[in-house]
Amino acid sequence: MQDLMIRWNCSRGFVGKQISRGLPMKKLSNGRWSIKENDLINWERFLEDERKKARRNSTIATIVGVLITIIVIALFAKVCLVTPMGQSVLNSLKAMLG
């Protein structure tokens, strides 16, 4: 386990969490942990895929947030330009801003 902590630059808790998530490590009779190199490489690929997926989801959420903001601003602008009440609000804002 210590080798993984050094390799991944992480805490014992992180490695323990990975074991509980399915990291194919075996506890040896002497109390140490062991993993086959191929299993380790596959798990690291899995972790990298998860990071990429999280980044992609974050990017999508940001884009959706920006689009919603633009739509709300456009709707507000349309209301201000079309309705008499909107014109009144717009004139009030203009007066407040100078």
PDB file of N, CA and C in Angstrom:
ATOM      1  N   MET A   1       0.831  -1.190   0.000  1.00  0.00           N
ATOM      2  CA  MET A   1       0.000   0.000   0.000  1.00  0.00           C
ATOM      3  C   MET A   1       0.877   1.256   0.000  1.00  0.00           C
ATOM      4  N   GLN A   2       1.986   1.176   0.704  1.00  0.00           N
ATOM      5  CA  GLN A   2       2.909   2.308   0.775  1.00  0.00           C
ATOM      6  C   GLN A   2       3.429   2.670  -0.618  1.00  0.00           C
ATOM      7  N   ASP A   3       3.697   1.643  -1.433  1.00  0.00           N
ATOM      8  CA  ASP A   3       4.184   1.895  -2.792  1.00  0.00           C
ATOM      9  C   ASP A   3       3.152   2.674  -3.613  1.00  0.00           C
ATOM     10  N   LEU A   4       1.875   2.316  -3.455  1.00  0.00           N
ATOM     11  CA  LEU A   4       0.834   3.044  -4.181  1.00  0.00           C
ATOM     12  C   LEU A   4       0.715   4.473  -3.681  1.00  0.00           C
ATOM     13  N   MET A   5       0.849   4.666  -2.381  1.00  0.00           N
ATOM     14  CA  MET A   5       0.777   6.023  -1.831  1.00  0.00           C
ATOM     15  C   MET A   5       1.879   6.889  -2.424  1.00  0.00           C
ATOM     16  N   ILE A   6       3.052   6.311  -2.595  1.00  0.00           N
ATOM     17  CA  ILE A   6       4.172   7.052  -3.190  1.00  0.00           C
ATOM     18  C   ILE A   6       3.927   7.264  -4.686  1.00  0.00           C
ATOM     19  N   ARG A   7       3.516   6.196  -5.383  1.00  0.00           N
ATOM     20  CA  ARG A   7       3.291   6.263  -6.833  1.00  0.00           C
ATOM     21  C   ARG A   7       2.215   7.280  -7.183  1.00  0.00           C
ATOM     22  N   TRP A   8       1.112   7.313  -6.407  1.00  0.00           N
ATOM     23  CA  TRP A   8      -0.005   8.208  -6.690  1.00  0.00           C
ATOM     24  C   TRP A   8       0.080   9.515  -5.918  1.00  0.00           C
ATOM     25  N   ASN A   9       1.075   9.640  -5.032  1.00  0.00           N
ATOM     26  CA  ASN A   9       1.211  10.825  -4.183  1.00  0.00           C
ATOM     27  C   ASN A   9      -0.114  11.114  -3.465  1.00  0.00           C
ATOM     28  N   CYS A  10      -0.559  10.121  -2.702  1.00  0.00           N
ATOM     29  CA  CYS A  10      -1.867  10.228  -2.051  1.00  0.00           C
ATOM     30  C   CYS A  10      -1.794   9.670  -0.630  1.00  0.00           C
ATOM     31  N   SER A  11      -2.913   9.760   0.048  1.00  0.00           N
ATOM     32  CA  SER A  11      -2.992   9.290   1.432  1.00  0.00           C
ATOM     33  C   SER A  11      -3.387   7.815   1.488  1.00  0.00           C
ATOM     34  N   ARG A  12      -3.213   7.239   2.646  1.00  0.00           N
ATOM     35  CA  ARG A  12      -3.640   5.860   2.885  1.00  0.00           C
ATOM     36  C   ARG A  12      -5.162   5.756   2.707  1.00  0.00           C
ATOM     37  N   GLY A  13      -5.866   6.799   3.108  1.00  0.00           N
ATOM     38  CA  GLY A  13      -7.319   6.813   2.970  1.00  0.00           C
ATOM     39  C   GLY A  13      -7.763   6.720   1.516  1.00  0.00           C
ATOM     40  N   PHE A  14      -7.052   7.412   0.618  1.00  0.00           N
ATOM     41  CA  PHE A  14      -7.400   7.357  -0.800  1.00  0.00           C
ATOM     42  C   PHE A  14      -7.201   5.952  -1.343  1.00  0.00           C
ATOM     43  N   VAL A  15      -6.079   5.331  -0.987  1.00  0.00           N
ATOM     44  CA  VAL A  15      -5.826   3.962  -1.449  1.00  0.00           C
ATOM     45  C   VAL A  15      -6.897   3.024  -0.883  1.00  0.00           C
ATOM     46  N   GLY A  16      -7.227   3.203   0.408  1.00  0.00           N
ATOM     47  CA  GLY A  16      -8.273   2.378   1.010  1.00  0.00           C
ATOM     48  C   GLY A  16      -9.605   2.542   0.292  1.00  0.00           C
ATOM     49  N   LYS A  17      -9.908   3.784  -0.116  1.00  0.00           N
ATOM     50  CA  LYS A  17     -11.154   4.034  -0.846  1.00  0.00           C
ATOM     51  C   LYS A  17     -11.135   3.314  -2.189  1.00  0.00           C
ATOM     52  N   GLN A  18      -9.984   3.320  -2.845  1.00  0.00           N
ATOM     53  CA  GLN A  18      -9.874   2.629  -4.132  1.00  0.00           C
ATOM     54  C   GLN A  18     -10.059   1.123  -3.955  1.00  0.00           C
ATOM     55  N   ILE A  19      -9.540   0.584  -2.858  1.00  0.00           N
ATOM     56  CA  ILE A  19      -9.712  -0.849  -2.584  1.00  0.00           C
ATOM     57  C   ILE A  19     -11.202  -1.150  -2.394  1.00  0.00           C
ATOM     58  N   SER A  20     -11.894  -0.287  -1.661  1.00  0.00           N
ATOM     59  CA  SER A  20     -13.324  -0.518  -1.434  1.00  0.00           C
ATOM     60  C   SER A  20     -14.135  -0.338  -2.719  1.00  0.00           C
ATOM     61  N   ARG A  21     -13.593   0.415  -3.670  1.00  0.00           N
ATOM     62  CA  ARG A  21     -14.265   0.606  -4.960  1.00  0.00           C
ATOM     63  C   ARG A  21     -13.952  -0.522  -5.929  1.00  0.00           C
ATOM     64  N   GLY A  22     -13.059  -1.419  -5.564  1.00  0.00           N
ATOM     65  CA  GLY A  22     -12.791  -2.564  -6.430  1.00  0.00           C
ATOM     66  C   GLY A  22     -11.361  -2.712  -6.899  1.00  0.00           C
ATOM     67  N   LEU A  23     -10.435  -1.883  -6.417  1.00  0.00           N
ATOM     68  CA  LEU A  23      -9.024  -2.033  -6.784  1.00  0.00           C
ATOM     69  C   LEU A  23      -8.596  -3.455  -6.431  1.00  0.00           C
ATOM     70  N   PRO A  24      -8.137  -4.226  -7.412  1.00  0.00           N
ATOM     71  CA  PRO A  24      -7.882  -5.658  -7.174  1.00  0.00           C
ATOM     72  C   PRO A  24      -6.591  -5.932  -6.393  1.00  0.00           C
ATOM     73  N   MET A  25      -6.577  -5.542  -5.125  1.00  0.00           N
ATOM     74  CA  MET A  25      -5.419  -5.814  -4.271  1.00  0.00           C
ATOM     75  C   MET A  25      -5.739  -6.987  -3.361  1.00  0.00           C
ATOM     76  N   LYS A  26      -4.720  -7.735  -3.037  1.00  0.00           N
ATOM     77  CA  LYS A  26      -4.860  -8.879  -2.135  1.00  0.00           C
ATOM     78  C   LYS A  26      -4.005  -8.632  -0.902  1.00  0.00           C
ATOM     79  N   LYS A  27      -4.567  -8.953   0.262  1.00  0.00           N
ATOM     80  CA  LYS A  27      -3.799  -8.842   1.492  1.00  0.00           C
ATOM     81  C   LYS A  27      -3.042 -10.147   1.692  1.00  0.00           C
ATOM     82  N   LEU A  28      -1.732 -10.036   1.844  1.00  0.00           N
ATOM     83  CA  LEU A  28      -0.877 -11.217   2.003  1.00  0.00           C
ATOM     84  C   LEU A  28      -0.867 -11.668   3.467  1.00  0.00           C
ATOM     85  N   SER A  29      -0.368 -12.869   3.681  1.00  0.00           N
ATOM     86  CA  SER A  29      -0.341 -13.430   5.037  1.00  0.00           C
ATOM     87  C   SER A  29       0.554 -12.615   5.978  1.00  0.00           C
ATOM     88  N   ASN A  30       1.535 -11.914   5.437  1.00  0.00           N
ATOM     89  CA  ASN A  30       2.424 -11.108   6.279  1.00  0.00           C
ATOM     90  C   ASN A  30       1.839  -9.720   6.581  1.00  0.00           C
ATOM     91  N   GLY A  31       0.600  -9.447   6.119  1.00  0.00           N
ATOM     92  CA  GLY A  31      -0.057  -8.174   6.406  1.00  0.00           C
ATOM     93  C   GLY A  31       0.136  -7.120   5.334  1.00  0.00           C
ATOM     94  N   ARG A  32       0.996  -7.374   4.376  1.00  0.00           N
ATOM     95  CA  ARG A  32       1.217  -6.415   3.288  1.00  0.00           C
ATOM     96  C   ARG A  32       0.186  -6.628   2.189  1.00  0.00           C
ATOM     97  N   TRP A  33       0.083  -5.637   1.318  1.00  0.00           N
ATOM     98  CA  TRP A  33      -0.860  -5.703   0.204  1.00  0.00           C
ATOM     99  C   TRP A  33      -0.104  -5.942  -1.095  1.00  0.00           C
ATOM    100  N   SER A  34      -0.746  -6.612  -2.047  1.00  0.00           N
ATOM    101  CA  SER A  34      -0.117  -6.907  -3.324  1.00  0.00           C
ATOM    102  C   SER A  34      -1.129  -6.699  -4.451  1.00  0.00           C
ATOM    103  N   ILE A  35      -0.604  -6.299  -5.609  1.00  0.00           N
ATOM    104  CA  ILE A  35      -1.438  -6.144  -6.804  1.00  0.00           C
ATOM    105  C   ILE A  35      -0.593  -6.491  -8.015  1.00  0.00           C
ATOM    106  N   LYS A  36      -1.204  -7.133  -8.999  1.00  0.00           N
ATOM    107  CA  LYS A  36      -0.491  -7.441 -10.236  1.00  0.00           C
ATOM    108  C   LYS A  36      -0.297  -6.152 -11.018  1.00  0.00           C
ATOM    109  N   GLU A  37       0.841  -6.041 -11.690  1.00  0.00           N
ATOM    110  CA  GLU A  37       1.160  -4.806 -12.406  1.00  0.00           C
ATOM    111  C   GLU A  37       0.113  -4.491 -13.477  1.00  0.00           C
ATOM    112  N   ASN A  38      -0.342  -5.509 -14.196  1.00  0.00           N
ATOM    113  CA  ASN A  38      -1.354  -5.296 -15.233  1.00  0.00           C
ATOM    114  C   ASN A  38      -2.655  -4.756 -14.625  1.00  0.00           C
ATOM    115  N   ASP A  39      -3.046  -5.293 -13.454  1.00  0.00           N
ATOM    116  CA  ASP A  39      -4.248  -4.794 -12.771  1.00  0.00           C
ATOM    117  C   ASP A  39      -4.070  -3.347 -12.348  1.00  0.00           C
ATOM    118  N   LEU A  40      -2.867  -3.019 -11.888  1.00  0.00           N
ATOM    119  CA  LEU A  40      -2.585  -1.649 -11.466  1.00  0.00           C
ATOM    120  C   LEU A  40      -2.683  -0.682 -12.651  1.00  0.00           C
ATOM    121  N   ILE A  41      -2.107  -1.060 -13.775  1.00  0.00           N
ATOM    122  CA  ILE A  41      -2.153  -0.210 -14.972  1.00  0.00           C
ATOM    123  C   ILE A  41      -3.599  -0.014 -15.425  1.00  0.00           C
ATOM    124  N   ASN A  42      -4.382  -1.086 -15.418  1.00  0.00           N
ATOM    125  CA  ASN A  42      -5.792  -0.982 -15.807  1.00  0.00           C
ATOM    126  C   ASN A  42      -6.563  -0.072 -14.850  1.00  0.00           C
ATOM    127  N   TRP A  43      -6.256  -0.176 -13.547  1.00  0.00           N
ATOM    128  CA  TRP A  43      -6.946   0.679 -12.578  1.00  0.00           C
ATOM    129  C   TRP A  43      -6.572   2.142 -12.779  1.00  0.00           C
ATOM    130  N   GLU A  44      -5.308   2.416 -13.075  1.00  0.00           N
ATOM    131  CA  GLU A  44      -4.880   3.790 -13.326  1.00  0.00           C
ATOM    132  C   GLU A  44      -5.564   4.354 -14.574  1.00  0.00           C
ATOM    133  N   ARG A  45      -5.763   3.524 -15.581  1.00  0.00           N
ATOM    134  CA  ARG A  45      -6.506   3.962 -16.769  1.00  0.00           C
ATOM    135  C   ARG A  45      -7.950   4.279 -16.400  1.00  0.00           C
ATOM    136  N   PHE A  46      -8.536   3.436 -15.550  1.00  0.00           N
ATOM    137  CA  PHE A  46      -9.899   3.658 -15.073  1.00  0.00           C
ATOM    138  C   PHE A  46      -9.992   4.990 -14.338  1.00  0.00           C
ATOM    139  N   LEU A  47      -9.040   5.286 -13.458  1.00  0.00           N
ATOM    140  CA  LEU A  47      -9.030   6.551 -12.720  1.00  0.00           C
ATOM    141  C   LEU A  47      -8.898   7.741 -13.667  1.00  0.00           C
ATOM    142  N   GLU A  48      -8.054   7.612 -14.678  1.00  0.00           N
ATOM    143  CA  GLU A  48      -7.871   8.697 -15.644  1.00  0.00           C
ATOM    144  C   GLU A  48      -9.149   8.920 -16.447  1.00  0.00           C
ATOM    145  N   ASP A  49      -9.814   7.826 -16.828  1.00  0.00           N
ATOM    146  CA  ASP A  49     -11.090   7.957 -17.540  1.00  0.00           C
ATOM    147  C   ASP A  49     -12.123   8.671 -16.668  1.00  0.00           C
ATOM    148  N   GLU A  50     -12.143   8.361 -15.371  1.00  0.00           N
ATOM    149  CA  GLU A  50     -13.061   9.038 -14.457  1.00  0.00           C
ATOM    150  C   GLU A  50     -12.761  10.531 -14.367  1.00  0.00           C
ATOM    151  N   ARG A  51     -11.471  10.882 -14.319  1.00  0.00           N
ATOM    152  CA  ARG A  51     -11.098  12.300 -14.266  1.00  0.00           C
ATOM    153  C   ARG A  51     -11.547  13.029 -15.534  1.00  0.00           C
ATOM    154  N   LYS A  52     -11.330  12.399 -16.692  1.00  0.00           N
ATOM    155  CA  LYS A  52     -11.747  13.011 -17.956  1.00  0.00           C
ATOM    156  C   LYS A  52     -13.263  13.196 -17.993  1.00  0.00           C
ATOM    157  N   LYS A  53     -13.984  12.201 -17.521  1.00  0.00           N
ATOM    158  CA  LYS A  53     -15.441  12.274 -17.495  1.00  0.00           C
ATOM    159  C   LYS A  53     -15.903  13.408 -16.575  1.00  0.00           C
ATOM    160  N   ALA A  54     -15.265  13.548 -15.422  1.00  0.00           N
ATOM    161  CA  ALA A  54     -15.623  14.615 -14.492  1.00  0.00           C
ATOM    162  C   ALA A  54     -15.334  15.985 -15.108  1.00  0.00           C
ATOM    163  N   ARG A  55     -14.199  16.113 -15.800  1.00  0.00           N
ATOM    164  CA  ARG A  55     -13.871  17.384 -16.465  1.00  0.00           C
ATOM    165  C   ARG A  55     -14.884  17.702 -17.558  1.00  0.00           C
ATOM    166  N   ARG A  56     -15.256  16.685 -18.337  1.00  0.00           N
ATOM    167  CA  ARG A  56     -16.230  16.881 -19.408  1.00  0.00           C
ATOM    168  C   ARG A  56     -17.581  17.308 -18.824  1.00  0.00           C
ATOM    169  N   ASN A  57     -18.008  16.637 -17.764  1.00  0.00           N
ATOM    170  CA  ASN A  57     -19.286  16.997 -17.126  1.00  0.00           C
ATOM    171  C   ASN A  57     -19.245  18.418 -16.572  1.00  0.00           C
ATOM    172  N   SER A  58     -18.104  18.807 -16.018  1.00  0.00           N
ATOM    173  CA  SER A  58     -17.954  20.159 -15.488  1.00  0.00           C
ATOM    174  C   SER A  58     -18.032  21.184 -16.614  1.00  0.00           C
ATOM    175  N   THR A  59     -17.405  20.891 -17.732  1.00  0.00           N
ATOM    176  CA  THR A  59     -17.436  21.791 -18.886  1.00  0.00           C
ATOM    177  C   THR A  59     -18.863  21.927 -19.412  1.00  0.00           C
ATOM    178  N   ILE A  60     -19.561  20.809 -19.496  1.00  0.00           N
ATOM    179  CA  ILE A  60     -20.949  20.838 -19.968  1.00  0.00           C
ATOM    180  C   ILE A  60     -21.805  21.679 -19.026  1.00  0.00           C
ATOM    181  N   ALA A  61     -21.629  21.495 -17.720  1.00  0.00           N
ATOM    182  CA  ALA A  61     -22.400  22.267 -16.738  1.00  0.00           C
ATOM    183  C   ALA A  61     -22.117  23.763 -16.872  1.00  0.00           C
ATOM    184  N   THR A  62     -20.861  24.119 -17.110  1.00  0.00           N
ATOM    185  CA  THR A  62     -20.500  25.531 -17.292  1.00  0.00           C
ATOM    186  C   THR A  62     -21.162  26.105 -18.532  1.00  0.00           C
ATOM    187  N   ILE A  63     -21.119  25.364 -19.626  1.00  0.00           N
ATOM    188  CA  ILE A  63     -21.730  25.835 -20.876  1.00  0.00           C
ATOM    189  C   ILE A  63     -23.241  26.006 -20.703  1.00  0.00           C
ATOM    190  N   VAL A  64     -23.883  25.039 -20.053  1.00  0.00           N
ATOM    191  CA  VAL A  64     -25.328  25.135 -19.815  1.00  0.00           C
ATOM    192  C   VAL A  64     -25.641  26.361 -18.957  1.00  0.00           C
ATOM    193  N   GLY A  65     -24.838  26.592 -17.921  1.00  0.00           N
ATOM    194  CA  GLY A  65     -25.040  27.763 -17.064  1.00  0.00           C
ATOM    195  C   GLY A  65     -24.921  29.069 -17.828  1.00  0.00           C
ATOM    196  N   VAL A  66     -23.928  29.159 -18.702  1.00  0.00           N
ATOM    197  CA  VAL A  66     -23.739  30.371 -19.512  1.00  0.00           C
ATOM    198  C   VAL A  66     -24.918  30.560 -20.459  1.00  0.00           C
ATOM    199  N   LEU A  67     -25.361  29.473 -21.093  1.00  0.00           N
ATOM    200  CA  LEU A  67     -26.501  29.576 -22.008  1.00  0.00           C
ATOM    201  C   LEU A  67     -27.769  30.019 -21.285  1.00  0.00           C
ATOM    202  N   ILE A  68     -28.008  29.470 -20.105  1.00  0.00           N
ATOM    203  CA  ILE A  68     -29.186  29.877 -19.327  1.00  0.00           C
ATOM    204  C   ILE A  68     -29.101  31.357 -18.972  1.00  0.00           C
ATOM    205  N   THR A  69     -27.909  31.811 -18.581  1.00  0.00           N
ATOM    206  CA  THR A  69     -27.724  33.227 -18.256  1.00  0.00           C
ATOM    207  C   THR A  69     -28.010  34.104 -19.463  1.00  0.00           C
ATOM    208  N   ILE A  70     -27.525  33.725 -20.614  1.00  0.00           N
ATOM    209  CA  ILE A  70     -27.755  34.501 -21.841  1.00  0.00           C
ATOM    210  C   ILE A  70     -29.249  34.545 -22.169  1.00  0.00           C
ATOM    211  N   ILE A  71     -29.923  33.404 -22.015  1.00  0.00           N
ATOM    212  CA  ILE A  71     -31.362  33.362 -22.303  1.00  0.00           C
ATOM    213  C   ILE A  71     -32.133  34.262 -21.351  1.00  0.00           C
ATOM    214  N   VAL A  72     -31.788  34.213 -20.066  1.00  0.00           N
ATOM    215  CA  VAL A  72     -32.473  35.061 -19.083  1.00  0.00           C
ATOM    216  C   VAL A  72     -32.248  36.540 -19.395  1.00  0.00           C
ATOM    217  N   ILE A  73     -31.025  36.901 -19.731  1.00  0.00           N
ATOM    218  CA  ILE A  73     -30.728  38.297 -20.078  1.00  0.00           C
ATOM    219  C   ILE A  73     -31.497  38.706 -21.336  1.00  0.00           C
ATOM    220  N   ALA A  74     -31.546  37.814 -22.332  1.00  0.00           N
ATOM    221  CA  ALA A  74     -32.265  38.129 -23.571  1.00  0.00           C
ATOM    222  C   ALA A  74     -33.760  38.301 -23.304  1.00  0.00           C
ATOM    223  N   LEU A  75     -34.320  37.426 -22.465  1.00  0.00           N
ATOM    224  CA  LEU A  75     -35.743  37.554 -22.132  1.00  0.00           C
ATOM    225  C   LEU A  75     -36.018  38.853 -21.377  1.00  0.00           C
ATOM    226  N   PHE A  76     -35.144  39.191 -20.454  1.00  0.00           N
ATOM    227  CA  PHE A  76     -35.296  40.447 -19.714  1.00  0.00           C
ATOM    228  C   PHE A  76     -35.229  41.638 -20.666  1.00  0.00           C
ATOM    229  N   ALA A  77     -34.282  41.597 -21.584  1.00  0.00           N
ATOM    230  CA  ALA A  77     -34.143  42.696 -22.552  1.00  0.00           C
ATOM    231  C   ALA A  77     -35.382  42.794 -23.429  1.00  0.00           C
ATOM    232  N   LYS A  78     -35.915  41.646 -23.835  1.00  0.00           N
ATOM    233  CA  LYS A  78     -37.113  41.653 -24.678  1.00  0.00           C
ATOM    234  C   LYS A  78     -38.296  42.252 -23.909  1.00  0.00           C
ATOM    235  N   VAL A  79     -38.450  41.870 -22.650  1.00  0.00           N
ATOM    236  CA  VAL A  79     -39.531  42.416 -21.829  1.00  0.00           C
ATOM    237  C   VAL A  79     -39.368  43.926 -21.697  1.00  0.00           C
ATOM    238  N   CYS A  80     -38.150  44.381 -21.494  1.00  0.00           N
ATOM    239  CA  CYS A  80     -37.902  45.818 -21.330  1.00  0.00           C
ATOM    240  C   CYS A  80     -38.203  46.590 -22.600  1.00  0.00           C
ATOM    241  N   LEU A  81     -37.985  45.986 -23.751  1.00  0.00           N
ATOM    242  CA  LEU A  81     -38.180  46.699 -25.010  1.00  0.00           C
ATOM    243  C   LEU A  81     -39.622  46.641 -25.498  1.00  0.00           C
ATOM    244  N   VAL A  82     -40.385  45.634 -25.081  1.00  0.00           N
ATOM    245  CA  VAL A  82     -41.708  45.412 -25.654  1.00  0.00           C
ATOM    246  C   VAL A  82     -42.840  45.943 -24.777  1.00  0.00           C
ATOM    247  N   THR A  83     -42.795  45.702 -23.490  1.00  0.00           N
ATOM    248  CA  THR A  83     -43.929  46.053 -22.637  1.00  0.00           C
ATOM    249  C   THR A  83     -43.783  47.464 -22.081  1.00  0.00           C
ATOM    250  N   PRO A  84     -44.907  48.132 -21.847  1.00  0.00           N
ATOM    251  CA  PRO A  84     -44.847  49.473 -21.234  1.00  0.00           C
ATOM    252  C   PRO A  84     -44.198  49.430 -19.853  1.00  0.00           C
ATOM    253  N   MET A  85     -44.496  48.374 -19.078  1.00  0.00           N
ATOM    254  CA  MET A  85     -43.876  48.266 -17.762  1.00  0.00           C
ATOM    255  C   MET A  85     -42.361  48.090 -17.912  1.00  0.00           C
ATOM    256  N   GLY A  86     -41.978  47.324 -18.910  1.00  0.00           N
ATOM    257  CA  GLY A  86     -40.557  47.138 -19.178  1.00  0.00           C
ATOM    258  C   GLY A  86     -39.884  48.438 -19.560  1.00  0.00           C
ATOM    259  N   GLN A  87     -40.578  49.232 -20.371  1.00  0.00           N
ATOM    260  CA  GLN A  87     -40.039  50.547 -20.753  1.00  0.00           C
ATOM    261  C   GLN A  87     -39.866  51.427 -19.530  1.00  0.00           C
ATOM    262  N   SER A  88     -40.808  51.328 -18.603  1.00  0.00           N
ATOM    263  CA  SER A  88     -40.736  52.108 -17.368  1.00  0.00           C
ATOM    264  C   SER A  88     -39.523  51.673 -16.535  1.00  0.00           C
ATOM    265  N   VAL A  89     -39.314  50.360 -16.441  1.00  0.00           N
ATOM    266  CA  VAL A  89     -38.156  49.851 -15.687  1.00  0.00           C
ATOM    267  C   VAL A  89     -36.881  50.299 -16.358  1.00  0.00           C
ATOM    268  N   LEU A  90     -36.836  50.188 -17.682  1.00  0.00           N
ATOM    269  CA  LEU A  90     -35.650  50.584 -18.435  1.00  0.00           C
ATOM    270  C   LEU A  90     -35.358  52.077 -18.247  1.00  0.00           C
ATOM    271  N   ASN A  91     -36.390  52.907 -18.281  1.00  0.00           N
ATOM    272  CA  ASN A  91     -36.194  54.346 -18.083  1.00  0.00           C
ATOM    273  C   ASN A  91     -35.702  54.637 -16.665  1.00  0.00           C
ATOM    274  N   SER A  92     -36.229  53.897 -15.696  1.00  0.00           N
ATOM    275  CA  SER A  92     -35.774  54.063 -14.304  1.00  0.00           C
ATOM    276  C   SER A  92     -34.299  53.698 -14.169  1.00  0.00           C
ATOM    277  N   LEU A  93     -33.895  52.610 -14.816  1.00  0.00           N
ATOM    278  CA  LEU A  93     -32.484  52.200 -14.765  1.00  0.00           C
ATOM    279  C   LEU A  93     -31.601  53.245 -15.424  1.00  0.00           C
ATOM    280  N   LYS A  94     -32.056  53.771 -16.544  1.00  0.00           N
ATOM    281  CA  LYS A  94     -31.272  54.810 -17.242  1.00  0.00           C
ATOM    282  C   LYS A  94     -31.116  56.039 -16.345  1.00  0.00           C
ATOM    283  N   ALA A  95     -32.192  56.410 -15.660  1.00  0.00           N
ATOM    284  CA  ALA A  95     -32.134  57.578 -14.769  1.00  0.00           C
ATOM    285  C   ALA A  95     -31.193  57.334 -13.617  1.00  0.00           C
ATOM    286  N   MET A  96     -31.207  56.126 -13.067  1.00  0.00           N
ATOM    287  CA  MET A  96     -30.322  55.795 -11.936  1.00  0.00           C
ATOM    288  C   MET A  96     -28.855  55.787 -12.349  1.00  0.00           C
ATOM    289  N   LEU A  97     -28.593  55.336 -13.577  1.00  0.00           N
ATOM    290  CA  LEU A  97     -27.214  55.250 -14.046  1.00  0.00           C
ATOM    291  C   LEU A  97     -26.687  56.592 -14.561  1.00  0.00           C
ATOM    292  N   GLY A  98     -27.546  57.521 -14.743  1.00  0.00           N
ATOM    293  CA  GLY A  98     -27.061  58.847 -15.123  1.00  0.00           C
ATOM    294  C   GLY A  98     -27.550  59.221 -16.418  1.00  0.00           C
TER     295      GLY A  98
END
